[in-house]
Amino acid sequence: MHTGDRLTRSRPRYRPAALALLVAALVAGCGSSPDQAPPAEQEEAGHSEFDAAVPGPFLGTCGSATADRVADVLPGPALVEVRTGVGCDWRAPGTGEGASFTWYRGSPIGRERALVEATGRRVQELSIGDFDGYVARQGEGWICEVALGVEEDFFLWSVAGAYPGVDLCAAATELATGTVEGAR
């Protein structure tokens, strides 16, 4: 036997009909999941697979807040600003105390609220301008969050730490108010 013959015989040969059957099986497996309604049913319910989330206004870099503004609201140790992919953090080095702003584009605030309520935090309604949401307090003052949403977006201010004489929820609400005022 010749070396070239062995290589030719060891290669698999795909017949066009078998290849077409394999492709058809793969394409059929890429359909909708069992719990997803077919497009016709979605459209009847007022939803289409092509519906796009309506983005809310632009909230500015870091929720229109600056390190000086956060330091005014949370007086104490110097805060270091760190920008993330979805917001900004201002933290006192080595303590975990400070504030963070997170902006969720195209994400429902209701899901976040359900998670917060499931953790046992006290939740109260809050509205600032056209933004509606909630204030969530954990324990007796170590952390407070303010989440406000408009259209399909929401943002969250979280303030954590022990700041003598500072109501963390009032501080988070003040920072959230600045974000709403700076929205464009």
C-alpha atoms as a PDB file:
ATOM      1  CA  MET A   1       0.000   0.000   0.000  1.00  0.00           C
ATOM      2  CA  HIS A   2       1.168   3.436  -0.834  1.00  0.00           C
ATOM      3  CA  THR A   3       1.316   6.196   1.895  1.00  0.00           C
ATOM      4  CA  GLY A   4      -0.900   8.514  -0.116  1.00  0.00           C
ATOM      5  CA  ASP A   5      -3.603   5.819  -0.306  1.00  0.00           C
ATOM      6  CA  ARG A   6      -3.688   5.409   3.462  1.00  0.00           C
ATOM      7  CA  LEU A   7      -4.264   9.119   4.011  1.00  0.00           C
ATOM      8  CA  THR A   8      -7.023   9.188   1.431  1.00  0.00           C
ATOM      9  CA  ARG A   9      -8.805   6.223   2.987  1.00  0.00           C
ATOM     10  CA  SER A  10      -8.544   7.517   6.581  1.00  0.00           C
ATOM     11  CA  ARG A  11     -10.233  10.856   5.827  1.00  0.00           C
ATOM     12  CA  PRO A  12     -13.982  10.791   6.525  1.00  0.00           C
ATOM     13  CA  ARG A  13     -16.181  11.417   3.537  1.00  0.00           C
ATOM     14  CA  TYR A  14     -19.352  13.401   4.005  1.00  0.00           C
ATOM     15  CA  ARG A  15     -22.138  12.802   1.599  1.00  0.00           C
ATOM     16  CA  PRO A  16     -24.173  15.907   0.653  1.00  0.00           C
ATOM     17  CA  ALA A  17     -27.437  14.367   1.920  1.00  0.00           C
ATOM     18  CA  ALA A  18     -25.933  13.441   5.297  1.00  0.00           C
ATOM     19  CA  LEU A  19     -24.383  16.894   5.654  1.00  0.00           C
ATOM     20  CA  ALA A  20     -27.710  18.569   4.815  1.00  0.00           C
ATOM     21  CA  LEU A  21     -29.461  16.406   7.435  1.00  0.00           C
ATOM     22  CA  LEU A  22     -26.879  17.372  10.076  1.00  0.00           C
ATOM     23  CA  VAL A  23     -27.252  21.094   9.304  1.00  0.00           C
ATOM     24  CA  ALA A  24     -31.066  20.807   9.412  1.00  0.00           C
ATOM     25  CA  ALA A  25     -30.889  19.113  12.830  1.00  0.00           C
ATOM     26  CA  LEU A  26     -28.620  21.839  14.191  1.00  0.00           C
ATOM     27  CA  VAL A  27     -30.840  24.622  12.844  1.00  0.00           C
ATOM     28  CA  ALA A  28     -33.966  22.977  14.311  1.00  0.00           C
ATOM     29  CA  GLY A  29     -32.256  22.892  17.710  1.00  0.00           C
ATOM     30  CA  CYS A  30     -31.763  26.668  17.609  1.00  0.00           C
ATOM     31  CA  GLY A  31     -35.495  27.471  17.827  1.00  0.00           C
ATOM     32  CA  SER A  32     -37.299  29.100  20.721  1.00  0.00           C
ATOM     33  CA  SER A  33     -37.181  27.610  24.191  1.00  0.00           C
ATOM     34  CA  PRO A  34     -40.267  25.800  25.491  1.00  0.00           C
ATOM     35  CA  ASP A  35     -41.171  28.635  27.879  1.00  0.00           C
ATOM     36  CA  GLN A  36     -40.833  31.354  25.218  1.00  0.00           C
ATOM     37  CA  ALA A  37     -43.951  32.156  23.261  1.00  0.00           C
ATOM     38  CA  PRO A  38     -43.704  32.016  19.468  1.00  0.00           C
ATOM     39  CA  PRO A  39     -43.387  35.454  17.791  1.00  0.00           C
ATOM     40  CA  ALA A  40     -47.043  35.453  16.676  1.00  0.00           C
ATOM     41  CA  GLU A  41     -48.222  34.989  20.283  1.00  0.00           C
ATOM     42  CA  GLN A  42     -45.803  37.680  21.516  1.00  0.00           C
ATOM     43  CA  GLU A  43     -47.156  40.180  18.984  1.00  0.00           C
ATOM     44  CA  GLU A  44     -50.746  39.398  20.026  1.00  0.00           C
ATOM     45  CA  ALA A  45     -49.747  40.166  23.616  1.00  0.00           C
ATOM     46  CA  GLY A  46     -48.328  43.527  22.464  1.00  0.00           C
ATOM     47  CA  HIS A  47     -44.715  42.377  22.404  1.00  0.00           C
ATOM     48  CA  SER A  48     -42.476  41.580  19.501  1.00  0.00           C
ATOM     49  CA  GLU A  49     -39.095  39.930  19.478  1.00  0.00           C
ATOM     50  CA  PHE A  50     -37.872  43.178  17.902  1.00  0.00           C
ATOM     51  CA  ASP A  51     -39.096  45.483  20.689  1.00  0.00           C
ATOM     52  CA  ALA A  52     -36.236  47.569  22.024  1.00  0.00           C
ATOM     53  CA  ALA A  53     -35.926  49.007  25.484  1.00  0.00           C
ATOM     54  CA  VAL A  54     -36.546  52.739  25.593  1.00  0.00           C
ATOM     55  CA  PRO A  55     -33.415  54.239  27.140  1.00  0.00           C
ATOM     56  CA  GLY A  56     -33.796  56.804  29.848  1.00  0.00           C
ATOM     57  CA  PRO A  57     -31.908  60.096  29.919  1.00  0.00           C
ATOM     58  CA  PHE A  58     -28.151  60.407  30.112  1.00  0.00           C
ATOM     59  CA  LEU A  59     -27.181  60.665  33.785  1.00  0.00           C
ATOM     60  CA  GLY A  60     -23.693  62.064  33.335  1.00  0.00           C
ATOM     61  CA  THR A  61     -20.390  60.528  34.253  1.00  0.00           C
ATOM     62  CA  CYS A  62     -20.573  59.099  37.778  1.00  0.00           C
ATOM     63  CA  GLY A  63     -24.217  60.175  38.069  1.00  0.00           C
ATOM     64  CA  SER A  64     -23.149  63.813  37.685  1.00  0.00           C
ATOM     65  CA  ALA A  65     -21.314  63.563  41.029  1.00  0.00           C
ATOM     66  CA  THR A  66     -17.756  64.604  41.816  1.00  0.00           C
ATOM     67  CA  ALA A  67     -15.407  63.496  44.574  1.00  0.00           C
ATOM     68  CA  ASP A  68     -15.866  66.901  46.231  1.00  0.00           C
ATOM     69  CA  ARG A  69     -19.657  66.558  46.159  1.00  0.00           C
ATOM     70  CA  VAL A  70     -19.547  63.078  47.713  1.00  0.00           C
ATOM     71  CA  ALA A  71     -17.088  64.350  50.370  1.00  0.00           C
ATOM     72  CA  ASP A  72     -19.519  67.199  51.201  1.00  0.00           C
ATOM     73  CA  VAL A  73     -22.315  64.693  51.795  1.00  0.00           C
ATOM     74  CA  LEU A  74     -20.071  62.195  53.635  1.00  0.00           C
ATOM     75  CA  PRO A  75     -17.602  64.217  55.711  1.00  0.00           C
ATOM     76  CA  GLY A  76     -14.777  62.206  57.170  1.00  0.00           C
ATOM     77  CA  PRO A  77     -11.723  60.415  55.855  1.00  0.00           C
ATOM     78  CA  ALA A  78     -10.543  61.270  52.342  1.00  0.00           C
ATOM     79  CA  LEU A  79     -12.389  59.296  49.672  1.00  0.00           C
ATOM     80  CA  VAL A  80     -10.695  57.790  46.634  1.00  0.00           C
ATOM     81  CA  GLU A  81     -12.695  57.726  43.377  1.00  0.00           C
ATOM     82  CA  VAL A  82     -12.632  54.579  41.257  1.00  0.00           C
ATOM     83  CA  ARG A  83     -14.547  54.369  37.983  1.00  0.00           C
ATOM     84  CA  THR A  84     -16.097  51.052  37.015  1.00  0.00           C
ATOM     85  CA  GLY A  85     -17.794  49.799  33.860  1.00  0.00           C
ATOM     86  CA  VAL A  86     -21.232  50.754  35.213  1.00  0.00           C
ATOM     87  CA  GLY A  87     -20.534  53.620  37.584  1.00  0.00           C
ATOM     88  CA  CYS A  88     -18.176  55.008  40.200  1.00  0.00           C
ATOM     89  CA  ASP A  89     -17.073  54.281  43.763  1.00  0.00           C
ATOM     90  CA  TRP A  90     -15.761  56.716  46.353  1.00  0.00           C
ATOM     91  CA  ARG A  91     -14.183  54.808  49.242  1.00  0.00           C
ATOM     92  CA  ALA A  92     -12.053  55.573  52.252  1.00  0.00           C
ATOM     93  CA  PRO A  93      -8.976  53.366  51.754  1.00  0.00           C
ATOM     94  CA  GLY A  94      -9.015  50.204  53.833  1.00  0.00           C
ATOM     95  CA  THR A  95     -12.443  50.793  55.397  1.00  0.00           C
ATOM     96  CA  GLY A  96     -15.170  50.020  52.862  1.00  0.00           C
ATOM     97  CA  GLU A  97     -16.891  53.234  53.925  1.00  0.00           C
ATOM     98  CA  GLY A  98     -18.069  55.578  51.215  1.00  0.00           C
ATOM     99  CA  ALA A  99     -20.538  55.740  48.355  1.00  0.00           C
ATOM    100  CA  SER A 100     -21.105  54.132  45.002  1.00  0.00           C
ATOM    101  CA  PHE A 101     -23.160  55.044  41.969  1.00  0.00           C
ATOM    102  CA  THR A 102     -24.278  52.316  39.547  1.00  0.00           C
ATOM    103  CA  TRP A 103     -26.286  52.877  36.364  1.00  0.00           C
ATOM    104  CA  TYR A 104     -28.306  50.018  34.870  1.00  0.00           C
ATOM    105  CA  ARG A 105     -29.332  50.672  31.237  1.00  0.00           C
ATOM    106  CA  GLY A 106     -32.222  48.555  29.950  1.00  0.00           C
ATOM    107  CA  SER A 107     -32.706  46.743  33.250  1.00  0.00           C
ATOM    108  CA  PRO A 108     -35.930  46.713  35.266  1.00  0.00           C
ATOM    109  CA  ILE A 109     -35.844  48.318  38.705  1.00  0.00           C
ATOM    110  CA  GLY A 110     -38.505  45.874  39.905  1.00  0.00           C
ATOM    111  CA  ARG A 111     -36.084  42.947  39.818  1.00  0.00           C
ATOM    112  CA  GLU A 112     -33.569  44.873  41.930  1.00  0.00           C
ATOM    113  CA  ARG A 113     -36.279  45.862  44.387  1.00  0.00           C
ATOM    114  CA  ALA A 114     -37.410  42.242  44.747  1.00  0.00           C
ATOM    115  CA  LEU A 115     -33.833  41.214  45.592  1.00  0.00           C
ATOM    116  CA  VAL A 116     -33.506  44.001  48.153  1.00  0.00           C
ATOM    117  CA  GLU A 117     -36.812  43.074  49.797  1.00  0.00           C
ATOM    118  CA  ALA A 118     -35.786  39.406  49.875  1.00  0.00           C
ATOM    119  CA  THR A 119     -32.728  40.340  51.960  1.00  0.00           C
ATOM    120  CA  GLY A 120     -34.998  41.812  54.646  1.00  0.00           C
ATOM    121  CA  ARG A 121     -34.111  45.467  54.165  1.00  0.00           C
ATOM    122  CA  ARG A 122     -36.715  48.087  55.023  1.00  0.00           C
ATOM    123  CA  VAL A 123     -37.987  49.550  51.754  1.00  0.00           C
ATOM    124  CA  GLN A 124     -39.873  52.836  51.288  1.00  0.00           C
ATOM    125  CA  GLU A 125     -41.211  54.465  48.120  1.00  0.00           C
ATOM    126  CA  LEU A 126     -39.360  57.487  46.761  1.00  0.00           C
ATOM    127  CA  SER A 127     -39.940  59.840  43.820  1.00  0.00           C
ATOM    128  CA  ILE A 128     -37.641  62.613  42.636  1.00  0.00           C
ATOM    129  CA  GLY A 129     -38.776  64.477  39.522  1.00  0.00           C
ATOM    130  CA  ASP A 130     -39.842  61.951  36.877  1.00  0.00           C
ATOM    131  CA  PHE A 131     -37.894  59.168  38.579  1.00  0.00           C
ATOM    132  CA  ASP A 132     -39.677  56.659  40.835  1.00  0.00           C
ATOM    133  CA  GLY A 133     -38.052  54.090  43.054  1.00  0.00           C
ATOM    134  CA  TYR A 134     -37.233  53.272  46.638  1.00  0.00           C
ATOM    135  CA  VAL A 135     -34.987  53.802  49.623  1.00  0.00           C
ATOM    136  CA  ALA A 136     -33.686  50.638  51.307  1.00  0.00           C
ATOM    137  CA  ARG A 137     -32.087  50.676  54.744  1.00  0.00           C
ATOM    138  CA  GLN A 138     -30.167  47.783  56.199  1.00  0.00           C
ATOM    139  CA  GLY A 139     -29.912  47.548  59.960  1.00  0.00           C
ATOM    140  CA  GLU A 140     -29.408  50.641  62.034  1.00  0.00           C
ATOM    141  CA  GLY A 141     -27.372  52.707  59.666  1.00  0.00           C
ATOM    142  CA  TRP A 142     -24.444  50.803  58.173  1.00  0.00           C
ATOM    143  CA  ILE A 143     -25.812  50.892  54.620  1.00  0.00           C
ATOM    144  CA  CYS A 144     -28.554  52.676  52.712  1.00  0.00           C
ATOM    145  CA  GLU A 145     -29.462  52.475  49.036  1.00  0.00           C
ATOM    146  CA  VAL A 146     -31.557  54.736  46.841  1.00  0.00           C
ATOM    147  CA  ALA A 147     -32.684  53.316  43.503  1.00  0.00           C
ATOM    148  CA  LEU A 148     -34.619  55.389  40.984  1.00  0.00           C
ATOM    149  CA  GLY A 149     -35.838  54.403  37.538  1.00  0.00           C
ATOM    150  CA  VAL A 150     -37.153  56.075  34.419  1.00  0.00           C
ATOM    151  CA  GLU A 151     -38.088  54.396  31.129  1.00  0.00           C
ATOM    152  CA  GLU A 152     -36.127  51.113  31.005  1.00  0.00           C
ATOM    153  CA  ASP A 153     -33.193  52.311  33.125  1.00  0.00           C
ATOM    154  CA  PHE A 154     -32.486  52.730  36.795  1.00  0.00           C
ATOM    155  CA  PHE A 155     -29.610  53.912  38.901  1.00  0.00           C
ATOM    156  CA  LEU A 156     -28.545  53.084  42.420  1.00  0.00           C
ATOM    157  CA  TRP A 157     -26.717  55.142  45.010  1.00  0.00           C
ATOM    158  CA  SER A 158     -25.346  53.083  47.898  1.00  0.00           C
ATOM    159  CA  VAL A 159     -23.836  54.716  50.960  1.00  0.00           C
ATOM    160  CA  ALA A 160     -22.057  52.653  53.607  1.00  0.00           C
ATOM    161  CA  GLY A 161     -20.199  53.400  56.793  1.00  0.00           C
ATOM    162  CA  ALA A 162     -20.341  54.965  60.212  1.00  0.00           C
ATOM    163  CA  TYR A 163     -20.489  58.732  59.727  1.00  0.00           C
ATOM    164  CA  PRO A 164     -21.302  60.440  63.042  1.00  0.00           C
ATOM    165  CA  GLY A 165     -24.303  62.724  62.695  1.00  0.00           C
ATOM    166  CA  VAL A 166     -25.014  61.636  59.087  1.00  0.00           C
ATOM    167  CA  ASP A 167     -28.234  59.863  58.134  1.00  0.00           C
ATOM    168  CA  LEU A 168     -27.022  57.565  55.365  1.00  0.00           C
ATOM    169  CA  CYS A 169     -30.417  57.490  53.641  1.00  0.00           C
ATOM    170  CA  ALA A 170     -30.573  61.297  53.623  1.00  0.00           C
ATOM    171  CA  ALA A 171     -27.040  61.315  52.149  1.00  0.00           C
ATOM    172  CA  ALA A 172     -27.955  58.759  49.450  1.00  0.00           C
ATOM    173  CA  THR A 173     -31.148  60.701  48.645  1.00  0.00           C
ATOM    174  CA  GLU A 174     -29.160  63.936  48.329  1.00  0.00           C
ATOM    175  CA  LEU A 175     -26.711  62.279  45.904  1.00  0.00           C
ATOM    176  CA  ALA A 176     -29.643  60.778  43.930  1.00  0.00           C
ATOM    177  CA  THR A 177     -31.287  64.205  43.731  1.00  0.00           C
ATOM    178  CA  GLY A 178     -28.086  65.588  42.189  1.00  0.00           C
ATOM    179  CA  THR A 179     -28.151  62.779  39.625  1.00  0.00           C
ATOM    180  CA  VAL A 180     -31.774  63.531  38.682  1.00  0.00           C
ATOM    181  CA  GLU A 181     -31.017  67.268  38.424  1.00  0.00           C
ATOM    182  CA  GLY A 182     -28.031  66.540  36.143  1.00  0.00           C
ATOM    183  CA  ALA A 183     -29.950  64.110  33.877  1.00  0.00           C
ATOM    184  CA  ARG A 184     -30.178  65.115  30.213  1.00  0.00           C
END
